[in-house]
Amino acid sequence: MTINKSYGAQLSFHEIEDEFGQNPGRSLGKYRTTDPSFGNKDLGDLENLPLDVGIPVSGEIKFSDFYQKKLNVVIDCHTTGSNTYNHDAYTDRFLNGKYNIVGNYRTSITKSQWQGGKRVIIHINNTFGSVGAQNRNDVAFLTGNYNNNVNQSGWPTDTTLTLDMGDEGLVGGKGGNGGNTGNEESPGENGGVGTSGMKIPAGFQDEISGESRIFGGGGGGAGGPGAEQNNWGDKNSASGGGGGGGAGIPAGADGNSGGVAGGKAGGTTQAPDNEQGGDGGKGGNGGESEGATGGNGGGRSQAGGGSYSEVDEGHDPSLEHGHTSGGLGGFQYRFY
């Protein structure tokens, strides 16, 4: 259990061993460790962790250095990532033994052994995406919520929980698909919504470092409305351009072109570390009619662009197909 002793209280070596595990020499000095042995993935600012904050890694070490200290557990979200959405740090990592204990004097810890609390550091240094996500409530990654029932999912409420984003870490919602183009018979599609980045406990945001690498997917750009001009019995039609896909992991698909004198499809979908959505396609031309350009896909967490078909002089307004809307961007965070 956490060493709940204040300065001046008697503390036994056995109590320290109960919390941090038994070191080979059964020596207080052996607890001056900076070797987390977390594998070969770069840990960035998690290199050279002490057993707990305030326990010396060199020089003098004494029993009073262990008052109020607790076991530190690093959840391994750096060795491998995940393509699919709703990946959970508690159920998918901790319960599957994908964690390391600082110092390596203990090899495992269970929720039933949590007495007095532990420090949990979720270290993300890989890519977590959102394949299969469909709405803004879907997220790429869940930290896990708090729950004291040992038979249910969740961190005990006496957990000191933090999240550290490494330089190679990315957590992103899926980009919304660009809307397909309209033609002389249809207005085109609205852009698809982006999905969200991470689900966290309320009030947890201050315990996250590197949060610029966590983002919702951008909304898809609107498909451009088509246009039809009917003047003096001469009927000309043109489709709009396809909407651009929203930025995300994965990026949204571009909208398709179609119809008479079809417009250009939306721009190229984006790599995970690119913050921009795809460009909308240019509308087609049908004589004196011109379809609307598709909306641009949204950047990270941003809405996609809309598209509007203007009524030109000499055109019958009833034959114009109006406007279409870009999809909403996903949220950076959702909350339990």
Protein backbone atom coordinates (compact mmCIF):
# COMPACT_ATOMS: atom_id res chain seq x y z
CA MET A 1 0.00 0.00 0.00
CA THR A 2 1.04 3.64 -0.28
CA ILE A 3 3.46 4.47 2.53
CA ASN A 4 1.11 6.72 4.49
CA LYS A 5 3.68 7.79 7.04
CA SER A 6 4.44 11.39 7.85
CA TYR A 7 7.81 12.80 8.85
CA GLY A 8 8.93 11.55 12.25
CA ALA A 9 6.83 8.38 12.22
CA GLN A 10 8.59 5.04 12.42
CA LEU A 11 8.96 3.34 9.04
CA SER A 12 10.23 -0.19 8.55
CA PHE A 13 12.20 -1.52 5.59
CA HIS A 14 9.54 -4.20 5.23
CA GLU A 15 6.90 -1.51 4.53
CA ILE A 16 9.08 -0.11 1.73
CA GLU A 17 9.46 -3.60 0.25
CA ASP A 18 5.72 -4.18 0.40
CA GLU A 19 5.14 -1.13 -1.77
CA PHE A 20 8.05 -1.19 -4.22
CA GLY A 21 9.13 -4.83 -4.19
CA GLN A 22 12.26 -6.50 -2.90
CA ASN A 23 15.52 -5.41 -4.50
CA PRO A 24 18.30 -8.03 -4.98
CA GLY A 25 20.54 -6.77 -2.19
CA ARG A 26 17.67 -5.87 0.15
CA SER A 27 19.41 -2.52 0.49
CA LEU A 28 17.89 0.94 0.87
CA GLY A 29 20.53 2.27 -1.52
CA LYS A 30 19.36 -0.07 -4.28
CA TYR A 31 16.14 1.92 -4.50
CA ARG A 32 18.14 4.79 -6.04
CA THR A 33 17.14 3.64 -9.48
CA THR A 34 16.68 5.39 -12.82
CA ASP A 35 16.32 2.30 -15.01
CA PRO A 36 12.69 1.80 -16.03
CA SER A 37 13.62 -0.89 -18.60
CA PHE A 38 10.61 -0.09 -20.76
CA GLY A 39 11.94 -1.63 -23.96
CA ASN A 40 13.58 0.13 -26.89
CA LYS A 41 10.90 2.74 -27.62
CA ASP A 42 12.06 6.29 -26.97
CA LEU A 43 10.47 7.48 -23.73
CA GLY A 44 11.41 11.14 -24.04
CA ASP A 45 10.81 12.92 -20.75
CA LEU A 46 10.02 9.62 -18.99
CA GLU A 47 13.65 8.51 -19.14
CA ASN A 48 15.37 8.16 -15.76
CA LEU A 49 12.24 8.05 -13.63
CA PRO A 50 12.77 7.63 -9.88
CA LEU A 51 10.70 5.10 -7.94
CA ASP A 52 8.42 8.03 -7.13
CA VAL A 53 8.76 11.79 -7.20
CA GLY A 54 11.15 12.85 -4.45
CA ILE A 55 12.96 9.54 -3.97
CA PRO A 56 16.66 10.24 -4.71
CA VAL A 57 18.33 8.67 -7.73
CA SER A 58 21.83 9.41 -6.46
CA GLY A 59 23.58 10.60 -3.32
CA GLU A 60 22.14 10.21 0.16
CA ILE A 61 18.93 8.23 0.61
CA LYS A 62 17.08 7.81 3.89
CA PHE A 63 13.91 6.27 5.27
CA SER A 64 12.13 9.60 5.45
CA ASP A 65 12.45 9.94 1.65
CA PHE A 66 9.76 7.25 1.39
CA TYR A 67 7.03 8.94 3.41
CA GLN A 68 3.83 9.32 1.33
CA LYS A 69 5.42 7.57 -1.67
CA LYS A 70 3.67 5.10 -3.93
CA LEU A 71 4.38 2.58 -6.66
CA ASN A 72 4.64 4.08 -10.17
CA VAL A 73 3.11 2.14 -13.06
CA VAL A 74 3.70 3.15 -16.69
CA ILE A 75 0.98 1.95 -19.07
CA ASP A 76 2.63 0.79 -22.28
CA CYS A 77 1.03 2.73 -25.09
CA HIS A 78 4.42 3.32 -26.69
CA THR A 79 5.50 -0.11 -27.95
CA THR A 80 2.42 -0.55 -30.15
CA GLY A 81 -0.48 1.64 -31.22
CA SER A 82 -3.99 0.84 -32.44
CA ASN A 83 -5.88 1.51 -35.67
CA THR A 84 -9.39 0.99 -34.34
CA TYR A 85 -11.41 3.39 -32.22
CA ASN A 86 -12.32 3.23 -28.49
CA HIS A 87 -9.00 1.70 -27.41
CA ASP A 88 -9.01 1.67 -23.59
CA ALA A 89 -5.87 2.14 -21.48
CA TYR A 90 -7.37 0.17 -18.59
CA THR A 91 -9.06 -2.77 -20.31
CA ASP A 92 -6.89 -3.11 -23.41
CA ARG A 93 -3.51 -2.37 -21.81
CA PHE A 94 -3.44 -2.69 -18.03
CA LEU A 95 -5.64 -5.79 -17.75
CA ASN A 96 -3.57 -7.43 -20.49
CA GLY A 97 -0.32 -6.87 -18.62
CA LYS A 98 0.93 -4.14 -20.96
CA TYR A 99 2.58 -1.98 -18.35
CA ASN A 100 5.90 -1.57 -16.57
CA ILE A 101 6.59 -0.93 -12.91
CA VAL A 102 9.27 1.64 -12.26
CA GLY A 103 12.29 0.02 -10.64
CA ASN A 104 11.35 -3.50 -11.76
CA TYR A 105 11.37 -4.80 -8.18
CA ARG A 106 7.78 -5.85 -8.73
CA THR A 107 6.65 -7.51 -11.93
CA SER A 108 2.89 -7.14 -11.60
CA ILE A 109 0.12 -5.33 -9.76
CA THR A 110 -3.63 -5.99 -9.61
CA LYS A 111 -6.52 -3.73 -8.74
CA SER A 112 -7.06 -5.67 -5.51
CA GLN A 113 -3.49 -4.73 -4.46
CA TRP A 114 -4.10 -1.01 -4.91
CA GLN A 115 -4.51 -0.24 -1.19
CA GLY A 116 -3.69 3.37 -0.51
CA GLY A 117 -3.28 4.30 -4.18
CA LYS A 118 -0.74 4.09 -6.99
CA ARG A 119 0.64 6.52 -9.55
CA VAL A 120 -0.35 5.57 -13.12
CA ILE A 121 1.34 7.23 -16.08
CA ILE A 122 -0.25 6.53 -19.45
CA HIS A 123 2.61 7.01 -21.90
CA ILE A 124 1.56 7.34 -25.55
CA ASN A 125 4.36 7.32 -28.09
CA ASN A 126 2.65 5.60 -31.00
CA THR A 127 -0.36 6.21 -33.24
CA PHE A 128 -3.93 5.57 -32.10
CA GLY A 129 -6.51 6.01 -34.84
CA SER A 130 -10.21 5.59 -35.42
CA VAL A 131 -10.91 3.06 -38.15
CA GLY A 132 -14.61 2.15 -37.94
CA ALA A 133 -15.68 5.24 -35.96
CA GLN A 134 -18.90 6.81 -37.20
CA ASN A 135 -20.05 9.64 -34.94
CA ARG A 136 -18.66 12.44 -32.81
CA ASN A 137 -19.01 10.41 -29.60
CA ASP A 138 -16.62 7.75 -30.91
CA VAL A 139 -13.02 8.35 -29.82
CA ALA A 140 -9.63 6.97 -30.73
CA PHE A 141 -8.49 6.44 -27.13
CA LEU A 142 -10.00 6.19 -23.65
CA THR A 143 -7.94 6.78 -20.53
CA GLY A 144 -10.35 4.72 -18.41
CA ASN A 145 -12.63 6.16 -15.77
CA TYR A 146 -12.55 5.76 -11.97
CA ASN A 147 -14.26 2.79 -10.32
CA ASN A 148 -13.46 1.16 -6.96
CA ASN A 149 -15.18 -2.15 -7.68
CA VAL A 150 -12.38 -4.70 -8.22
CA ASN A 151 -14.63 -6.72 -10.51
CA GLN A 152 -15.40 -3.83 -12.84
CA SER A 153 -13.38 -1.78 -15.28
CA GLY A 154 -11.73 1.42 -14.12
CA TRP A 155 -8.95 2.91 -12.02
CA PRO A 156 -9.47 3.08 -8.23
CA THR A 157 -10.32 6.59 -7.10
CA ASP A 158 -7.08 6.87 -5.09
CA THR A 159 -5.06 6.58 -8.29
CA THR A 160 -2.82 9.50 -9.23
CA LEU A 161 -3.45 9.40 -12.98
CA THR A 162 -1.47 11.34 -15.61
CA LEU A 163 -0.99 11.08 -19.36
CA ASP A 164 2.22 11.83 -21.22
CA MET A 165 2.31 12.27 -25.01
CA GLY A 166 5.71 11.42 -26.50
CA ASP A 167 7.10 13.13 -29.59
CA GLU A 168 5.95 10.21 -31.76
CA GLY A 169 2.51 9.95 -30.18
CA LEU A 170 -0.66 10.77 -32.13
CA VAL A 171 -4.28 10.27 -31.09
CA GLY A 172 -6.77 11.26 -33.74
CA GLY A 173 -10.40 10.91 -34.70
CA LYS A 174 -11.43 9.87 -38.18
CA GLY A 175 -11.84 12.57 -40.81
CA GLY A 176 -15.33 12.99 -42.25
CA ASN A 177 -15.90 11.90 -45.83
CA GLY A 178 -16.37 14.57 -48.46
CA GLY A 179 -19.86 14.84 -49.87
CA ASN A 180 -20.52 13.40 -53.30
CA THR A 181 -21.30 15.88 -56.04
CA GLY A 182 -24.70 16.94 -57.16
CA ASN A 183 -25.93 17.01 -60.73
CA GLU A 184 -28.87 18.48 -62.57
CA GLU A 185 -31.23 16.27 -60.58
CA SER A 186 -29.71 16.36 -57.09
CA PRO A 187 -28.25 18.96 -54.75
CA GLY A 188 -25.21 16.94 -53.68
CA GLU A 189 -24.37 15.55 -50.27
CA ASN A 190 -23.41 17.28 -47.07
CA GLY A 191 -19.97 16.45 -45.73
CA GLY A 192 -19.58 13.69 -43.15
CA VAL A 193 -18.78 14.39 -39.49
CA GLY A 194 -15.34 13.91 -37.96
CA THR A 195 -15.04 11.68 -34.91
CA SER A 196 -13.32 12.59 -31.64
CA GLY A 197 -9.86 12.15 -30.18
CA MET A 198 -9.84 11.05 -26.55
CA LYS A 199 -12.27 10.32 -23.71
CA ILE A 200 -11.07 11.43 -20.28
CA PRO A 201 -12.46 11.91 -16.75
CA ALA A 202 -13.88 15.34 -16.03
CA GLY A 203 -11.15 17.62 -14.66
CA PHE A 204 -8.34 15.42 -16.01
CA GLN A 205 -7.19 17.76 -18.77
CA ASP A 206 -4.57 19.47 -16.57
CA GLU A 207 -2.84 16.09 -16.10
CA ILE A 208 -2.11 15.72 -19.83
CA SER A 209 1.17 16.77 -21.43
CA GLY A 210 1.61 17.18 -25.17
CA GLU A 211 -2.11 17.60 -25.82
CA SER A 212 -1.53 19.30 -29.19
CA ARG A 213 -1.00 15.76 -30.51
CA ILE A 214 -4.55 14.79 -29.56
CA PHE A 215 -7.25 15.92 -31.97
CA GLY A 216 -10.66 15.27 -33.45
CA GLY A 217 -11.10 14.48 -37.12
CA GLY A 218 -12.01 17.29 -39.49
CA GLY A 219 -15.44 17.36 -41.05
CA GLY A 220 -15.81 16.45 -44.70
CA GLY A 221 -16.34 19.18 -47.27
CA ALA A 222 -19.76 19.54 -48.86
CA GLY A 223 -20.42 18.15 -52.31
CA GLY A 224 -21.02 20.98 -54.74
CA PRO A 225 -24.61 21.44 -55.91
CA GLY A 226 -25.28 20.95 -59.57
CA ALA A 227 -26.73 23.59 -61.86
CA GLU A 228 -29.18 23.57 -64.73
CA GLN A 229 -29.85 26.41 -67.12
CA ASN A 230 -32.87 26.35 -69.38
CA ASN A 231 -33.05 29.39 -71.61
CA TRP A 232 -34.79 29.70 -74.98
CA GLY A 233 -35.35 25.95 -74.98
CA ASP A 234 -31.62 25.25 -74.74
CA LYS A 235 -31.03 23.10 -71.66
CA ASN A 236 -27.50 22.89 -70.23
CA SER A 237 -26.54 21.07 -67.04
CA ALA A 238 -23.45 20.70 -64.89
CA SER A 239 -22.60 18.82 -61.74
CA GLY A 240 -20.82 20.27 -58.75
CA GLY A 241 -17.37 19.30 -57.51
CA GLY A 242 -16.81 16.60 -54.88
CA GLY A 243 -16.11 17.62 -51.28
CA GLY A 244 -12.62 17.23 -49.79
CA GLY A 245 -12.02 14.65 -47.07
CA GLY A 246 -11.42 15.85 -43.51
CA ALA A 247 -8.04 15.48 -41.79
CA GLY A 248 -7.80 12.62 -39.31
CA ILE A 249 -6.58 9.11 -38.59
CA PRO A 250 -7.67 7.89 -41.06
CA ALA A 251 -8.41 10.89 -43.22
CA GLY A 252 -11.87 11.14 -44.73
CA ALA A 253 -12.46 9.95 -48.28
CA ASP A 254 -12.94 12.48 -51.04
CA GLY A 255 -16.38 13.00 -52.48
CA ASN A 256 -17.06 11.55 -55.92
CA SER A 257 -17.85 13.52 -59.03
CA GLY A 258 -20.72 12.59 -61.30
CA GLY A 259 -23.49 13.73 -63.58
CA VAL A 260 -23.31 15.76 -66.76
CA ALA A 261 -20.01 17.62 -67.13
CA GLY A 262 -18.92 16.26 -63.76
CA GLY A 263 -16.82 18.35 -61.42
CA LYS A 264 -13.42 17.42 -60.07
CA ALA A 265 -13.36 15.22 -56.97
CA GLY A 266 -12.08 16.55 -53.65
CA GLY A 267 -8.35 16.83 -52.96
CA THR A 268 -6.02 14.11 -51.80
CA THR A 269 -6.73 12.74 -48.34
CA GLN A 270 -4.20 13.55 -45.70
CA ALA A 271 -1.49 11.72 -43.78
CA PRO A 272 -2.04 11.41 -39.98
CA ASP A 273 0.42 14.19 -39.12
CA ASN A 274 -1.00 16.66 -41.64
CA GLU A 275 -3.31 19.22 -40.11
CA GLN A 276 -5.16 20.17 -43.30
CA GLY A 277 -8.19 18.63 -44.99
CA GLY A 278 -8.45 17.90 -48.71
CA ASP A 279 -9.42 20.58 -51.21
CA GLY A 280 -12.87 20.52 -52.74
CA GLY A 281 -13.21 19.76 -56.43
CA LYS A 282 -14.06 22.36 -59.07
CA GLY A 283 -17.57 22.25 -60.45
CA GLY A 284 -18.29 21.09 -63.96
CA ASN A 285 -19.34 23.32 -66.84
CA GLY A 286 -22.36 22.74 -69.04
CA GLY A 287 -22.56 25.55 -71.50
CA GLU A 288 -23.80 28.54 -69.56
CA SER A 289 -24.32 26.46 -66.43
CA GLU A 290 -21.56 25.83 -63.94
CA GLY A 291 -21.78 23.54 -60.93
CA ALA A 292 -20.54 24.72 -57.57
CA THR A 293 -17.06 23.92 -56.30
CA GLY A 294 -17.06 21.35 -53.51
CA GLY A 295 -16.21 22.41 -49.98
CA ASN A 296 -12.75 21.87 -48.54
CA GLY A 297 -12.33 19.21 -45.92
CA GLY A 298 -11.80 20.49 -42.38
CA GLY A 299 -8.45 20.49 -40.61
CA ARG A 300 -8.04 18.78 -37.24
CA SER A 301 -11.24 19.21 -35.19
CA GLN A 302 -12.52 21.77 -37.71
CA ALA A 303 -15.75 21.71 -39.69
CA GLY A 304 -15.67 21.07 -43.41
CA GLY A 305 -16.48 23.83 -45.85
CA GLY A 306 -19.92 24.29 -47.36
CA SER A 307 -20.81 24.80 -51.00
CA TYR A 308 -23.26 27.20 -52.57
CA SER A 309 -24.66 27.37 -56.07
CA GLU A 310 -25.24 30.97 -57.11
CA VAL A 311 -28.08 31.94 -59.41
CA ASP A 312 -26.64 33.64 -62.47
CA GLU A 313 -28.45 36.25 -64.52
CA GLY A 314 -30.82 34.68 -67.01
CA HIS A 315 -31.19 31.48 -65.00
CA ASP A 316 -34.39 30.18 -63.56
CA PRO A 317 -33.87 30.11 -59.74
CA SER A 318 -36.09 27.06 -59.45
CA LEU A 319 -33.49 25.09 -61.39
CA GLU A 320 -30.62 25.90 -59.02
CA HIS A 321 -29.96 23.43 -56.25
CA GLY A 322 -29.02 25.82 -53.43
CA HIS A 323 -26.28 24.93 -50.95
CA THR A 324 -24.83 21.99 -49.05
CA SER A 325 -23.09 21.97 -45.68
CA GLY A 326 -19.72 20.73 -44.52
CA GLY A 327 -19.61 18.13 -41.76
CA LEU A 328 -18.87 19.08 -38.15
CA GLY A 329 -15.40 18.38 -36.82
CA GLY A 330 -14.83 15.92 -34.00
CA PHE A 331 -13.99 17.02 -30.46
CA GLN A 332 -10.50 16.89 -29.04
CA TYR A 333 -11.96 15.47 -25.80
CA ARG A 334 -15.11 13.72 -24.72
CA PHE A 335 -15.78 13.18 -21.00
CA TYR A 336 -16.99 10.29 -18.87
